[in-house]
Structure formats: structure tokens, C-alpha cells
Amino acid sequence: MDFTVIICTYNRSGNLPVCLDHLARQEGVEGLDWEVLVVDNNSSDDTRQVVERLAETLPIRIRYSFEAEQGLNNARNHGVNDSGGKYFCYVDDDILVKSDWLAALYEALEQNDADAVGGRIHLDPDIKLPPWVTPEVWGFLGYQDYGEEPFRMDGVVQYPYGGNMSFNRRVVDKIGLFNPKVGRKGQGRKRGELFKGAETDYFHRLAATDDARIFYQPKAIVYHQILPHQLERKYFLTIHYNAGFQKAYYDEKQFGRRLFAVPLFLYPQFARAGGKYLWQLATRGPHRAFRQLMTVGHFLGTMKGYRKAYQEAR
């Protein structure tokens, strides 16, 4: 087996037909032995029936697998363990791949002897974005584009996003599996579920190894179908709040001076962020100030994360 495409899904059976249909249109992979593995992360809808029906009707190899433990990284780890490919990759169930996507990933993995390869993630052009969703927040919708030229990524500042990332199986031998403590739970619609960056920790661990080979392949392009709840302000604010909370909660640094269990240095930073938001609100308007409001929320989440971790440790 050359390649396993892993789709982790939870209660989104309606997304799967179009997602898998695009995978079935791959070109330039005639000599490739590959499969699609759909990991059902304990769905309560008809995910299994949909996958089994599509496996019978589409001209590609599709397998269904079940992971009972909720969490995106639990599903990702299950997919790795149940896959047979020399290479494996992940796409989300709301992703549509271009017809040359798999061939482009395979080419980059082979030619660069790569540990990991990521491609471009564009937003579905048919989706009308509200005016406050400016390009500076597109990344929170999974958008990623480093331009037309391939290059070697550092894995810390530059790394593939989860909607379009692929790996050489030797990476699992190097650094193990994804951390199940981080990342999205369920459908990510509630504050306690919506955690982005489940792959960030993984790439940071990979980058810390000797000669990590992570590459950007601009020819591997996918499109992210934006769901209605992802175009609500609450979604963006929750993402950034939770990012701050998660980073602080798992921070192993010890800070001596605290006020209400929160490190003292955070208070002036929070005040500056709030002041900058009010200034932008007054001078630039609410749409262009929204990104700074997200930063304020990030600080609030960070303070809550440190406070919770400190209280639990006592």
C-alpha cells in the first residue's frame, strides 16, 4: 500500500458524499496503490451507512473504521493505526480536493524524502463572507497559502494545517502519535469542544527532531467548505479564547508572582490589548477592529487557563 487518505468525521454524514466524490476524481495516480479510510468518531447519525453505500458505488477503495473515544486527535491516531500506507494524509470531511491533489502530495513526499508535506487550503469561492471576516482572520477558517513556490518549512512558524497534511510513516517511529489532550472535541460548536491547532503540537515535536523534513507543495490544493456556524463572531472569539486557555493550561513553566492565581505579567498585556481594541473600534470601526477583539479574548482565555491549572495543582 502506497498511500492512505484518512478522513476523520463526527455527525457530518451529509458532507461525505461530495468529499468522497472529489477524492474519486483523482488523476495521475493510476500506478498508485491507495485507499480512503473514513474514521467515524462515535457518530450518532448514519455515517456508517453512508460510507458503506459510497464504498459500493464510487470507483476507489473506501474503508470504514470506528473510534469510540471522542476527540479529533483520537480519531487521527486510530486512522494511523488502521492504515496500511507507506504514506498517510488527512483531509477534513468539509474539504474538496482538486483532481491532481493526491499526485502532487505523493510527488513531494517521494522527491524530497519528506517526513511531512502540506499544500494550499483555499476557502470555497462560492461562500459569501461577511464584511468583518477580513483576510487577516481567514487562517482561523483553515486558509493557508504560501504562494506558488515549494519550499522547506520550519515546522514551528511554518507548518501544514490539518485540512491538508501528509506524512511518511517513519514519523510515527520518530515522535509517536498525536496528543489526544489537545484539539477539537465533537463538532466543535461549544466552548468546551472548539479547540484548533490539534496538529500544531505534532509539528513542533517533529521540528525538534534531527533534520526534520517538512515541505510545502503548492500544487496540492484543496477547498474548505465553510459551515454556517463558522461565520458567526462567536465562533472566532471562542477559537481564540480556547487557544489561549489550552496553551496556558498545559504550560509547564512556573511563574512565582501571581494575582488571583494569574501570572502578574499578563495583566498589563491584557490592558494594552483592551486599549488597542477600543482605539481601533473608535478609529477603524467594528469590522476592522474585530481581529483585535479576538486578541482580547485570547488573553482572557490565557488568564483562565493559568488560573485553572494553578488551582488544580494545589
C-alpha atoms as a PDB file:
ATOM      1  CA  MET A   1       0.000   0.000   0.000  1.00  0.00           C
ATOM      2  CA  ASP A   2       1.464   3.364  -1.081  1.00  0.00           C
ATOM      3  CA  PHE A   3      -0.970   5.873   0.400  1.00  0.00           C
ATOM      4  CA  THR A   4      -3.880   6.044   2.855  1.00  0.00           C
ATOM      5  CA  VAL A   5      -6.141   9.110   2.824  1.00  0.00           C
ATOM      6  CA  ILE A   6      -7.710   9.460   6.290  1.00  0.00           C
ATOM      7  CA  ILE A   7     -10.962  11.359   6.848  1.00  0.00           C
ATOM      8  CA  CYS A   8     -11.965  11.856  10.495  1.00  0.00           C
ATOM      9  CA  THR A   9     -15.656  12.630  10.858  1.00  0.00           C
ATOM     10  CA  TYR A  10     -18.311  13.122  13.524  1.00  0.00           C
ATOM     11  CA  ASN A  11     -22.028  13.506  12.775  1.00  0.00           C
ATOM     12  CA  ARG A  12     -21.446  15.030   9.352  1.00  0.00           C
ATOM     13  CA  SER A  13     -22.690  12.271   7.095  1.00  0.00           C
ATOM     14  CA  GLY A  14     -24.140  14.905   4.780  1.00  0.00           C
ATOM     15  CA  ASN A  15     -20.632  16.162   3.965  1.00  0.00           C
ATOM     16  CA  LEU A  16     -19.226  12.785   2.986  1.00  0.00           C
ATOM     17  CA  PRO A  17     -20.768  12.201  -0.489  1.00  0.00           C
ATOM     18  CA  VAL A  18     -19.274  15.318  -2.080  1.00  0.00           C
ATOM     19  CA  CYS A  19     -15.978  14.953  -0.181  1.00  0.00           C
ATOM     20  CA  LEU A  20     -15.521  11.346  -1.307  1.00  0.00           C
ATOM     21  CA  ASP A  21     -16.752  12.101  -4.816  1.00  0.00           C
ATOM     22  CA  HIS A  22     -13.909  14.601  -5.272  1.00  0.00           C
ATOM     23  CA  LEU A  23     -11.427  12.024  -3.993  1.00  0.00           C
ATOM     24  CA  ALA A  24     -12.779   9.575  -6.557  1.00  0.00           C
ATOM     25  CA  ARG A  25     -11.862  12.005  -9.373  1.00  0.00           C
ATOM     26  CA  GLN A  26      -8.101  11.856  -8.768  1.00  0.00           C
ATOM     27  CA  GLU A  27      -5.898  11.909 -11.860  1.00  0.00           C
ATOM     28  CA  GLY A  28      -2.283  10.871 -12.351  1.00  0.00           C
ATOM     29  CA  VAL A  29      -2.456   8.123  -9.718  1.00  0.00           C
ATOM     30  CA  GLU A  30      -3.064   5.146 -11.997  1.00  0.00           C
ATOM     31  CA  GLY A  31       0.067   3.358 -10.770  1.00  0.00           C
ATOM     32  CA  LEU A  32      -0.535   4.205  -7.120  1.00  0.00           C
ATOM     33  CA  ASP A  33      -1.904   1.680  -4.634  1.00  0.00           C
ATOM     34  CA  TRP A  34      -4.058   3.860  -2.393  1.00  0.00           C
ATOM     35  CA  GLU A  35      -7.183   3.824  -0.252  1.00  0.00           C
ATOM     36  CA  VAL A  36      -9.530   6.114   1.658  1.00  0.00           C
ATOM     37  CA  LEU A  37     -10.113   5.346   5.334  1.00  0.00           C
ATOM     38  CA  VAL A  38     -13.108   7.070   6.959  1.00  0.00           C
ATOM     39  CA  VAL A  39     -12.763   7.154  10.752  1.00  0.00           C
ATOM     40  CA  ASP A  40     -16.147   7.557  12.427  1.00  0.00           C
ATOM     41  CA  ASN A  41     -15.506   9.304  15.757  1.00  0.00           C
ATOM     42  CA  ASN A  42     -18.557   7.853  17.542  1.00  0.00           C
ATOM     43  CA  SER A  43     -21.217   9.474  15.355  1.00  0.00           C
ATOM     44  CA  SER A  44     -24.904   9.113  16.178  1.00  0.00           C
ATOM     45  CA  ASP A  45     -26.089   9.770  12.617  1.00  0.00           C
ATOM     46  CA  ASP A  46     -25.979   7.476   9.572  1.00  0.00           C
ATOM     47  CA  THR A  47     -22.256   7.920   8.883  1.00  0.00           C
ATOM     48  CA  ARG A  48     -21.585   4.184   8.639  1.00  0.00           C
ATOM     49  CA  GLN A  49     -24.423   3.552   6.204  1.00  0.00           C
ATOM     50  CA  VAL A  50     -23.367   6.482   4.015  1.00  0.00           C
ATOM     51  CA  VAL A  51     -19.739   5.330   3.871  1.00  0.00           C
ATOM     52  CA  GLU A  52     -20.686   1.736   3.095  1.00  0.00           C
ATOM     53  CA  ARG A  53     -23.031   2.865   0.316  1.00  0.00           C
ATOM     54  CA  LEU A  54     -20.367   5.110  -1.226  1.00  0.00           C
ATOM     55  CA  ALA A  55     -17.791   2.329  -0.963  1.00  0.00           C
ATOM     56  CA  GLU A  56     -20.014   0.246  -3.241  1.00  0.00           C
ATOM     57  CA  THR A  57     -20.728   2.965  -5.802  1.00  0.00           C
ATOM     58  CA  LEU A  58     -17.500   5.001  -6.131  1.00  0.00           C
ATOM     59  CA  PRO A  59     -14.562   3.646  -8.187  1.00  0.00           C
ATOM     60  CA  ILE A  60     -11.986   3.876  -5.373  1.00  0.00           C
ATOM     61  CA  ARG A  61     -11.152   1.756  -2.349  1.00  0.00           C
ATOM     62  CA  ILE A  62     -13.025   3.099   0.696  1.00  0.00           C
ATOM     63  CA  ARG A  63     -12.940   1.570   4.160  1.00  0.00           C
ATOM     64  CA  TYR A  64     -14.981   2.410   7.267  1.00  0.00           C
ATOM     65  CA  SER A  65     -13.441   2.353  10.751  1.00  0.00           C
ATOM     66  CA  PHE A  66     -14.857   3.289  14.158  1.00  0.00           C
ATOM     67  CA  GLU A  67     -13.230   5.165  17.062  1.00  0.00           C
ATOM     68  CA  ALA A  68     -15.361   5.413  20.213  1.00  0.00           C
ATOM     69  CA  GLU A  69     -13.173   7.881  22.133  1.00  0.00           C
ATOM     70  CA  GLN A  70     -14.237  11.432  21.288  1.00  0.00           C
ATOM     71  CA  GLY A  71     -11.633  13.877  20.028  1.00  0.00           C
ATOM     72  CA  LEU A  72     -10.047  14.732  16.688  1.00  0.00           C
ATOM     73  CA  ASN A  73      -6.599  13.516  17.682  1.00  0.00           C
ATOM     74  CA  ASN A  74      -8.029  10.247  18.991  1.00  0.00           C
ATOM     75  CA  ALA A  75      -9.586   9.727  15.567  1.00  0.00           C
ATOM     76  CA  ARG A  76      -6.347  10.699  13.825  1.00  0.00           C
ATOM     77  CA  ASN A  77      -4.379   8.208  15.894  1.00  0.00           C
ATOM     78  CA  HIS A  78      -6.924   5.494  15.163  1.00  0.00           C
ATOM     79  CA  GLY A  79      -6.552   6.243  11.471  1.00  0.00           C
ATOM     80  CA  VAL A  80      -2.779   5.871  11.611  1.00  0.00           C
ATOM     81  CA  ASN A  81      -3.045   2.558  13.430  1.00  0.00           C
ATOM     82  CA  ASP A  82      -5.643   1.220  10.998  1.00  0.00           C
ATOM     83  CA  SER A  83      -3.927   2.402   7.824  1.00  0.00           C
ATOM     84  CA  GLY A  84      -1.517   0.428   5.690  1.00  0.00           C
ATOM     85  CA  GLY A  85       0.136   3.029   3.511  1.00  0.00           C
ATOM     86  CA  LYS A  86       3.808   3.989   3.397  1.00  0.00           C
ATOM     87  CA  TYR A  87       2.375   7.500   3.416  1.00  0.00           C
ATOM     88  CA  PHE A  88      -0.797   8.741   5.061  1.00  0.00           C
ATOM     89  CA  CYS A  89      -2.592  12.052   4.874  1.00  0.00           C
ATOM     90  CA  TYR A  90      -5.553  13.790   6.456  1.00  0.00           C
ATOM     91  CA  VAL A  91      -8.372  15.781   4.948  1.00  0.00           C
ATOM     92  CA  ASP A  92     -11.398  17.063   6.809  1.00  0.00           C
ATOM     93  CA  ASP A  93     -14.901  15.968   5.872  1.00  0.00           C
ATOM     94  CA  ASP A  94     -15.679  19.514   4.694  1.00  0.00           C
ATOM     95  CA  ILE A  95     -12.734  19.562   2.260  1.00  0.00           C
ATOM     96  CA  LEU A  96     -12.946  19.261  -1.529  1.00  0.00           C
ATOM     97  CA  VAL A  97      -9.687  18.199  -3.199  1.00  0.00           C
ATOM     98  CA  LYS A  98      -8.553  19.105  -6.708  1.00  0.00           C
ATOM     99  CA  SER A  99      -8.139  16.298  -9.217  1.00  0.00           C
ATOM    100  CA  ASP A 100      -4.315  16.360  -9.094  1.00  0.00           C
ATOM    101  CA  TRP A 101      -4.096  16.744  -5.304  1.00  0.00           C
ATOM    102  CA  LEU A 102      -3.006  13.222  -4.351  1.00  0.00           C
ATOM    103  CA  ALA A 103      -0.466  13.005  -7.179  1.00  0.00           C
ATOM    104  CA  ALA A 104       1.053  16.309  -6.044  1.00  0.00           C
ATOM    105  CA  LEU A 105       1.393  15.156  -2.428  1.00  0.00           C
ATOM    106  CA  TYR A 106       2.925  11.849  -3.484  1.00  0.00           C
ATOM    107  CA  GLU A 107       5.394  13.621  -5.765  1.00  0.00           C
ATOM    108  CA  ALA A 108       6.570  15.946  -2.978  1.00  0.00           C
ATOM    109  CA  LEU A 109       6.888  13.133  -0.430  1.00  0.00           C
ATOM    110  CA  GLU A 110       8.902  10.958  -2.818  1.00  0.00           C
ATOM    111  CA  GLN A 111      11.148  13.592  -4.399  1.00  0.00           C
ATOM    112  CA  ASN A 112      12.084  15.277  -1.107  1.00  0.00           C
ATOM    113  CA  ASP A 113      12.299  12.122   1.029  1.00  0.00           C
ATOM    114  CA  ALA A 114       9.927  14.160   3.207  1.00  0.00           C
ATOM    115  CA  ASP A 115       8.697  13.489   6.715  1.00  0.00           C
ATOM    116  CA  ALA A 116       5.640  15.632   6.027  1.00  0.00           C
ATOM    117  CA  VAL A 117       4.112  17.681   3.224  1.00  0.00           C
ATOM    118  CA  GLY A 118       1.364  20.280   3.287  1.00  0.00           C
ATOM    119  CA  GLY A 119      -0.465  22.024   0.497  1.00  0.00           C
ATOM    120  CA  ARG A 120      -2.706  25.001  -0.038  1.00  0.00           C
ATOM    121  CA  ILE A 121      -6.120  25.350   1.600  1.00  0.00           C
ATOM    122  CA  HIS A 122      -8.424  27.854  -0.060  1.00  0.00           C
ATOM    123  CA  LEU A 123     -11.859  28.917   1.090  1.00  0.00           C
ATOM    124  CA  ASP A 124     -14.780  27.730  -1.006  1.00  0.00           C
ATOM    125  CA  PRO A 125     -15.212  30.517  -3.606  1.00  0.00           C
ATOM    126  CA  ASP A 126     -18.986  30.021  -3.597  1.00  0.00           C
ATOM    127  CA  ILE A 127     -19.248  31.146   0.035  1.00  0.00           C
ATOM    128  CA  LYS A 128     -20.062  34.821   0.622  1.00  0.00           C
ATOM    129  CA  LEU A 129     -18.042  36.063   3.587  1.00  0.00           C
ATOM    130  CA  PRO A 130     -19.460  38.754   5.901  1.00  0.00           C
ATOM    131  CA  PRO A 131     -17.539  42.070   5.848  1.00  0.00           C
ATOM    132  CA  TRP A 132     -15.920  41.506   9.247  1.00  0.00           C
ATOM    133  CA  VAL A 133     -14.251  38.276   8.017  1.00  0.00           C
ATOM    134  CA  THR A 134     -11.239  40.122   6.615  1.00  0.00           C
ATOM    135  CA  PRO A 135      -8.210  38.313   5.105  1.00  0.00           C
ATOM    136  CA  GLU A 136      -6.307  38.628   8.387  1.00  0.00           C
ATOM    137  CA  VAL A 137      -8.720  36.152  10.022  1.00  0.00           C
ATOM    138  CA  TRP A 138      -9.018  33.710   7.116  1.00  0.00           C
ATOM    139  CA  GLY A 139      -6.453  31.484   8.802  1.00  0.00           C
ATOM    140  CA  PHE A 140      -8.994  30.742  11.531  1.00  0.00           C
ATOM    141  CA  LEU A 141     -11.159  29.198   8.798  1.00  0.00           C
ATOM    142  CA  GLY A 142      -8.286  26.938   7.782  1.00  0.00           C
ATOM    143  CA  TYR A 143      -6.963  29.101   4.921  1.00  0.00           C
ATOM    144  CA  GLN A 144      -3.306  28.533   4.088  1.00  0.00           C
ATOM    145  CA  ASP A 145      -1.350  29.687   1.043  1.00  0.00           C
ATOM    146  CA  TYR A 146       2.389  30.361   0.970  1.00  0.00           C
ATOM    147  CA  GLY A 147       2.449  31.151  -2.742  1.00  0.00           C
ATOM    148  CA  GLU A 148       3.463  29.387  -5.931  1.00  0.00           C
ATOM    149  CA  GLU A 149       6.928  28.120  -5.000  1.00  0.00           C
ATOM    150  CA  PRO A 150       7.649  24.957  -2.979  1.00  0.00           C
ATOM    151  CA  PHE A 151       9.981  25.259  -0.003  1.00  0.00           C
ATOM    152  CA  ARG A 152      11.109  23.543   3.170  1.00  0.00           C
ATOM    153  CA  MET A 153       9.021  24.533   6.198  1.00  0.00           C
ATOM    154  CA  ASP A 154      10.472  25.029   9.671  1.00  0.00           C
ATOM    155  CA  GLY A 155       7.644  23.223  11.485  1.00  0.00           C
ATOM    156  CA  VAL A 156       7.364  25.965  14.102  1.00  0.00           C
ATOM    157  CA  VAL A 157       6.183  29.122  12.344  1.00  0.00           C
ATOM    158  CA  GLN A 158       5.515  27.405   9.023  1.00  0.00           C
ATOM    159  CA  TYR A 159       3.777  24.052   9.109  1.00  0.00           C
ATOM    160  CA  PRO A 160       0.895  22.332   7.283  1.00  0.00           C
ATOM    161  CA  TYR A 161      -2.650  22.840   8.517  1.00  0.00           C
ATOM    162  CA  GLY A 162      -4.781  19.861   9.460  1.00  0.00           C
ATOM    163  CA  GLY A 163      -7.105  20.074   6.466  1.00  0.00           C
ATOM    164  CA  ASN A 164      -4.296  19.214   4.034  1.00  0.00           C
ATOM    165  CA  MET A 165      -1.320  17.454   5.599  1.00  0.00           C
ATOM    166  CA  SER A 166       0.512  14.241   4.751  1.00  0.00           C
ATOM    167  CA  PHE A 167       3.200  12.159   6.443  1.00  0.00           C
ATOM    168  CA  ASN A 168       5.780   9.480   5.895  1.00  0.00           C
ATOM    169  CA  ARG A 169       5.011   6.603   8.258  1.00  0.00           C
ATOM    170  CA  ARG A 170       8.514   6.831   9.730  1.00  0.00           C
ATOM    171  CA  VAL A 171       7.335   9.987  11.531  1.00  0.00           C
ATOM    172  CA  VAL A 172       5.310   7.794  13.896  1.00  0.00           C
ATOM    173  CA  ASP A 173       8.512   5.939  14.788  1.00  0.00           C
ATOM    174  CA  LYS A 174      10.245   9.278  15.390  1.00  0.00           C
ATOM    175  CA  ILE A 175       7.741  11.088  17.584  1.00  0.00           C
ATOM    176  CA  GLY A 176       4.772   8.791  18.163  1.00  0.00           C
ATOM    177  CA  LEU A 177       1.126   9.730  17.706  1.00  0.00           C
ATOM    178  CA  PHE A 178      -0.924  12.922  18.086  1.00  0.00           C
ATOM    179  CA  ASN A 179      -1.533  14.266  21.586  1.00  0.00           C
ATOM    180  CA  PRO A 180      -5.139  13.316  22.489  1.00  0.00           C
ATOM    181  CA  LYS A 181      -5.300  16.031  25.173  1.00  0.00           C
ATOM    182  CA  VAL A 182      -5.406  18.828  22.598  1.00  0.00           C
ATOM    183  CA  GLY A 183      -7.637  19.583  19.654  1.00  0.00           C
ATOM    184  CA  ARG A 184     -11.311  19.655  18.777  1.00  0.00           C
ATOM    185  CA  LYS A 185     -13.894  17.502  20.504  1.00  0.00           C
ATOM    186  CA  GLY A 186     -17.187  16.545  18.884  1.00  0.00           C
ATOM    187  CA  GLN A 187     -18.377  19.017  16.254  1.00  0.00           C
ATOM    188  CA  GLY A 188     -16.572  21.926  17.855  1.00  0.00           C
ATOM    189  CA  ARG A 189     -19.712  24.004  18.340  1.00  0.00           C
ATOM    190  CA  LYS A 190     -19.367  24.566  22.104  1.00  0.00           C
ATOM    191  CA  ARG A 191     -16.666  26.334  24.093  1.00  0.00           C
ATOM    192  CA  GLY A 192     -15.547  23.045  25.630  1.00  0.00           C
ATOM    193  CA  GLU A 193     -15.240  21.422  22.177  1.00  0.00           C
ATOM    194  CA  LEU A 194     -13.805  24.073  19.869  1.00  0.00           C
ATOM    195  CA  PHE A 195     -10.030  23.779  20.032  1.00  0.00           C
ATOM    196  CA  LYS A 196      -7.976  24.486  16.923  1.00  0.00           C
ATOM    197  CA  GLY A 197      -4.353  23.614  16.270  1.00  0.00           C
ATOM    198  CA  ALA A 198      -4.552  19.907  17.073  1.00  0.00           C
ATOM    199  CA  GLU A 199      -1.634  19.422  14.675  1.00  0.00           C
ATOM    200  CA  THR A 200       0.494  22.320  15.996  1.00  0.00           C
ATOM    201  CA  ASP A 201       1.934  20.283  18.848  1.00  0.00           C
ATOM    202  CA  TYR A 202       2.736  17.445  16.441  1.00  0.00           C
ATOM    203  CA  PHE A 203       4.729  19.606  14.052  1.00  0.00           C
ATOM    204  CA  HIS A 204       6.559  21.309  16.901  1.00  0.00           C
ATOM    205  CA  ARG A 205       7.619  17.880  18.160  1.00  0.00           C
ATOM    206  CA  LEU A 206       8.683  16.860  14.672  1.00  0.00           C
ATOM    207  CA  ALA A 207      10.645  20.088  14.187  1.00  0.00           C
ATOM    208  CA  ALA A 208      12.561  19.366  17.403  1.00  0.00           C
ATOM    209  CA  THR A 209      13.993  16.136  15.941  1.00  0.00           C
ATOM    210  CA  ASP A 210      17.200  15.968  13.929  1.00  0.00           C
ATOM    211  CA  ASP A 211      16.808  17.033  10.295  1.00  0.00           C
ATOM    212  CA  ALA A 212      13.007  17.233  10.190  1.00  0.00           C
ATOM    213  CA  ARG A 213      11.993  17.324   6.532  1.00  0.00           C
ATOM    214  CA  ILE A 214       8.704  19.247   6.214  1.00  0.00           C
ATOM    215  CA  PHE A 215       7.802  20.647   2.798  1.00  0.00           C
ATOM    216  CA  TYR A 216       5.213  22.910   1.198  1.00  0.00           C
ATOM    217  CA  GLN A 217       3.691  21.655  -2.054  1.00  0.00           C
ATOM    218  CA  PRO A 218       1.749  24.470  -3.776  1.00  0.00           C
ATOM    219  CA  LYS A 219       0.286  22.101  -6.376  1.00  0.00           C
ATOM    220  CA  ALA A 220      -1.681  20.187  -3.709  1.00  0.00           C
ATOM    221  CA  ILE A 221      -4.786  22.383  -3.460  1.00  0.00           C
ATOM    222  CA  VAL A 222      -7.999  21.779  -1.524  1.00  0.00           C
ATOM    223  CA  TYR A 223     -11.086  23.897  -0.851  1.00  0.00           C
ATOM    224  CA  HIS A 224     -12.670  24.301   2.573  1.00  0.00           C
ATOM    225  CA  GLN A 225     -16.471  24.383   2.601  1.00  0.00           C
ATOM    226  CA  ILE A 226     -17.367  26.890   5.296  1.00  0.00           C
ATOM    227  CA  LEU A 227     -20.256  25.830   7.528  1.00  0.00           C
ATOM    228  CA  PRO A 228     -22.821  28.462   8.641  1.00  0.00           C
ATOM    229  CA  HIS A 229     -21.790  28.432  12.318  1.00  0.00           C
ATOM    230  CA  GLN A 230     -18.186  29.132  11.264  1.00  0.00           C
ATOM    231  CA  LEU A 231     -19.238  32.549  10.001  1.00  0.00           C
ATOM    232  CA  GLU A 232     -20.511  33.727  13.377  1.00  0.00           C
ATOM    233  CA  ARG A 233     -18.449  36.079  15.533  1.00  0.00           C
ATOM    234  CA  LYS A 234     -18.873  33.706  18.463  1.00  0.00           C
ATOM    235  CA  TYR A 235     -17.002  31.008  16.536  1.00  0.00           C
ATOM    236  CA  PHE A 236     -13.914  33.167  16.018  1.00  0.00           C
ATOM    237  CA  LEU A 237     -13.937  34.510  19.566  1.00  0.00           C
ATOM    238  CA  THR A 238     -14.282  31.010  21.011  1.00  0.00           C
ATOM    239  CA  ILE A 239     -11.413  29.666  18.890  1.00  0.00           C
ATOM    240  CA  HIS A 240      -9.014  32.328  20.133  1.00  0.00           C
ATOM    241  CA  TYR A 241     -10.215  32.173  23.738  1.00  0.00           C
ATOM    242  CA  ASN A 242      -9.720  28.407  23.761  1.00  0.00           C
ATOM    243  CA  ALA A 243      -6.301  28.706  22.131  1.00  0.00           C
ATOM    244  CA  GLY A 244      -5.166  30.923  24.995  1.00  0.00           C
ATOM    245  CA  PHE A 245      -6.730  28.653  27.592  1.00  0.00           C
ATOM    246  CA  GLN A 246      -5.185  25.485  26.160  1.00  0.00           C
ATOM    247  CA  LYS A 247      -1.692  26.966  25.837  1.00  0.00           C
ATOM    248  CA  ALA A 248      -1.729  28.279  29.410  1.00  0.00           C
ATOM    249  CA  TYR A 249      -3.341  25.218  30.963  1.00  0.00           C
ATOM    250  CA  TYR A 250      -0.622  22.914  29.637  1.00  0.00           C
ATOM    251  CA  ASP A 251       2.239  25.389  30.147  1.00  0.00           C
ATOM    252  CA  GLU A 252       4.866  23.729  32.336  1.00  0.00           C
ATOM    253  CA  LYS A 253       6.637  26.974  33.227  1.00  0.00           C
ATOM    254  CA  GLN A 254       6.465  28.107  36.850  1.00  0.00           C
ATOM    255  CA  PHE A 255       5.635  31.761  37.494  1.00  0.00           C
ATOM    256  CA  GLY A 256       6.234  32.906  41.056  1.00  0.00           C
ATOM    257  CA  ARG A 257       4.376  36.192  41.300  1.00  0.00           C
ATOM    258  CA  ARG A 258       0.633  35.874  40.777  1.00  0.00           C
ATOM    259  CA  LEU A 259      -2.553  37.774  41.425  1.00  0.00           C
ATOM    260  CA  PHE A 260      -5.733  35.689  41.701  1.00  0.00           C
ATOM    261  CA  ALA A 261      -3.634  32.712  40.506  1.00  0.00           C
ATOM    262  CA  VAL A 262      -2.756  34.528  37.251  1.00  0.00           C
ATOM    263  CA  PRO A 263       0.894  35.463  36.474  1.00  0.00           C
ATOM    264  CA  LEU A 264       1.372  39.183  37.036  1.00  0.00           C
ATOM    265  CA  PHE A 265       2.894  39.884  33.618  1.00  0.00           C
ATOM    266  CA  LEU A 266      -0.416  39.087  31.924  1.00  0.00           C
ATOM    267  CA  TYR A 267      -2.348  41.971  33.459  1.00  0.00           C
ATOM    268  CA  PRO A 268      -0.532  44.840  31.660  1.00  0.00           C
ATOM    269  CA  GLN A 269      -0.575  42.840  28.414  1.00  0.00           C
ATOM    270  CA  PHE A 270      -4.326  42.344  28.740  1.00  0.00           C
ATOM    271  CA  ALA A 271      -4.816  46.049  29.481  1.00  0.00           C
ATOM    272  CA  ARG A 272      -2.797  47.062  26.415  1.00  0.00           C
ATOM    273  CA  ALA A 273      -4.761  44.662  24.221  1.00  0.00           C
ATOM    274  CA  GLY A 274      -8.047  46.063  25.515  1.00  0.00           C
ATOM    275  CA  GLY A 275      -6.906  49.638  24.987  1.00  0.00           C
ATOM    276  CA  LYS A 276      -5.786  48.885  21.454  1.00  0.00           C
ATOM    277  CA  TYR A 277      -9.171  47.327  20.692  1.00  0.00           C
ATOM    278  CA  LEU A 278     -11.045  50.389  21.950  1.00  0.00           C
ATOM    279  CA  TRP A 279      -8.789  52.655  19.873  1.00  0.00           C
ATOM    280  CA  GLN A 280      -9.342  50.583  16.733  1.00  0.00           C
ATOM    281  CA  LEU A 281     -13.072  50.427  17.400  1.00  0.00           C
ATOM    282  CA  ALA A 282     -13.211  54.219  17.533  1.00  0.00           C
ATOM    283  CA  THR A 283     -10.923  54.897  14.559  1.00  0.00           C
ATOM    284  CA  ARG A 284     -11.441  51.921  12.226  1.00  0.00           C
ATOM    285  CA  GLY A 285     -14.911  50.645  13.048  1.00  0.00           C
ATOM    286  CA  PRO A 286     -16.150  47.296  14.395  1.00  0.00           C
ATOM    287  CA  HIS A 287     -15.347  45.213  11.300  1.00  0.00           C
ATOM    288  CA  ARG A 288     -11.661  46.101  11.154  1.00  0.00           C
ATOM    289  CA  ALA A 289     -11.317  46.072  14.944  1.00  0.00           C
ATOM    290  CA  PHE A 290     -12.681  42.537  15.244  1.00  0.00           C
ATOM    291  CA  ARG A 291      -9.276  40.868  14.952  1.00  0.00           C
ATOM    292  CA  GLN A 292      -8.076  42.857  17.964  1.00  0.00           C
ATOM    293  CA  LEU A 293     -11.190  41.844  19.899  1.00  0.00           C
ATOM    294  CA  MET A 294     -10.124  38.249  19.256  1.00  0.00           C
ATOM    295  CA  THR A 295      -6.757  39.075  20.826  1.00  0.00           C
ATOM    296  CA  VAL A 296      -8.523  40.367  23.930  1.00  0.00           C
ATOM    297  CA  GLY A 297     -10.419  37.084  24.101  1.00  0.00           C
ATOM    298  CA  HIS A 298      -7.144  35.175  23.740  1.00  0.00           C
ATOM    299  CA  PHE A 299      -5.759  36.946  26.806  1.00  0.00           C
ATOM    300  CA  LEU A 300      -8.909  36.174  28.778  1.00  0.00           C
ATOM    301  CA  GLY A 301      -8.569  32.504  27.865  1.00  0.00           C
ATOM    302  CA  THR A 302      -4.886  32.545  28.811  1.00  0.00           C
ATOM    303  CA  MET A 303      -5.639  34.013  32.216  1.00  0.00           C
ATOM    304  CA  LYS A 304      -8.411  31.466  32.799  1.00  0.00           C
ATOM    305  CA  GLY A 305      -6.103  28.629  31.747  1.00  0.00           C
ATOM    306  CA  TYR A 306      -3.333  29.622  34.149  1.00  0.00           C
ATOM    307  CA  ARG A 307      -5.834  30.117  36.951  1.00  0.00           C
ATOM    308  CA  LYS A 308      -7.458  26.715  36.438  1.00  0.00           C
ATOM    309  CA  ALA A 309      -4.119  24.879  36.209  1.00  0.00           C
ATOM    310  CA  TYR A 310      -2.820  26.625  39.341  1.00  0.00           C
ATOM    311  CA  GLN A 311      -5.948  25.811  41.341  1.00  0.00           C
ATOM    312  CA  GLU A 312      -5.944  22.156  40.276  1.00  0.00           C
ATOM    313  CA  ALA A 313      -2.279  21.770  41.225  1.00  0.00           C
ATOM    314  CA  ARG A 314      -2.824  22.972  44.801  1.00  0.00           C
END
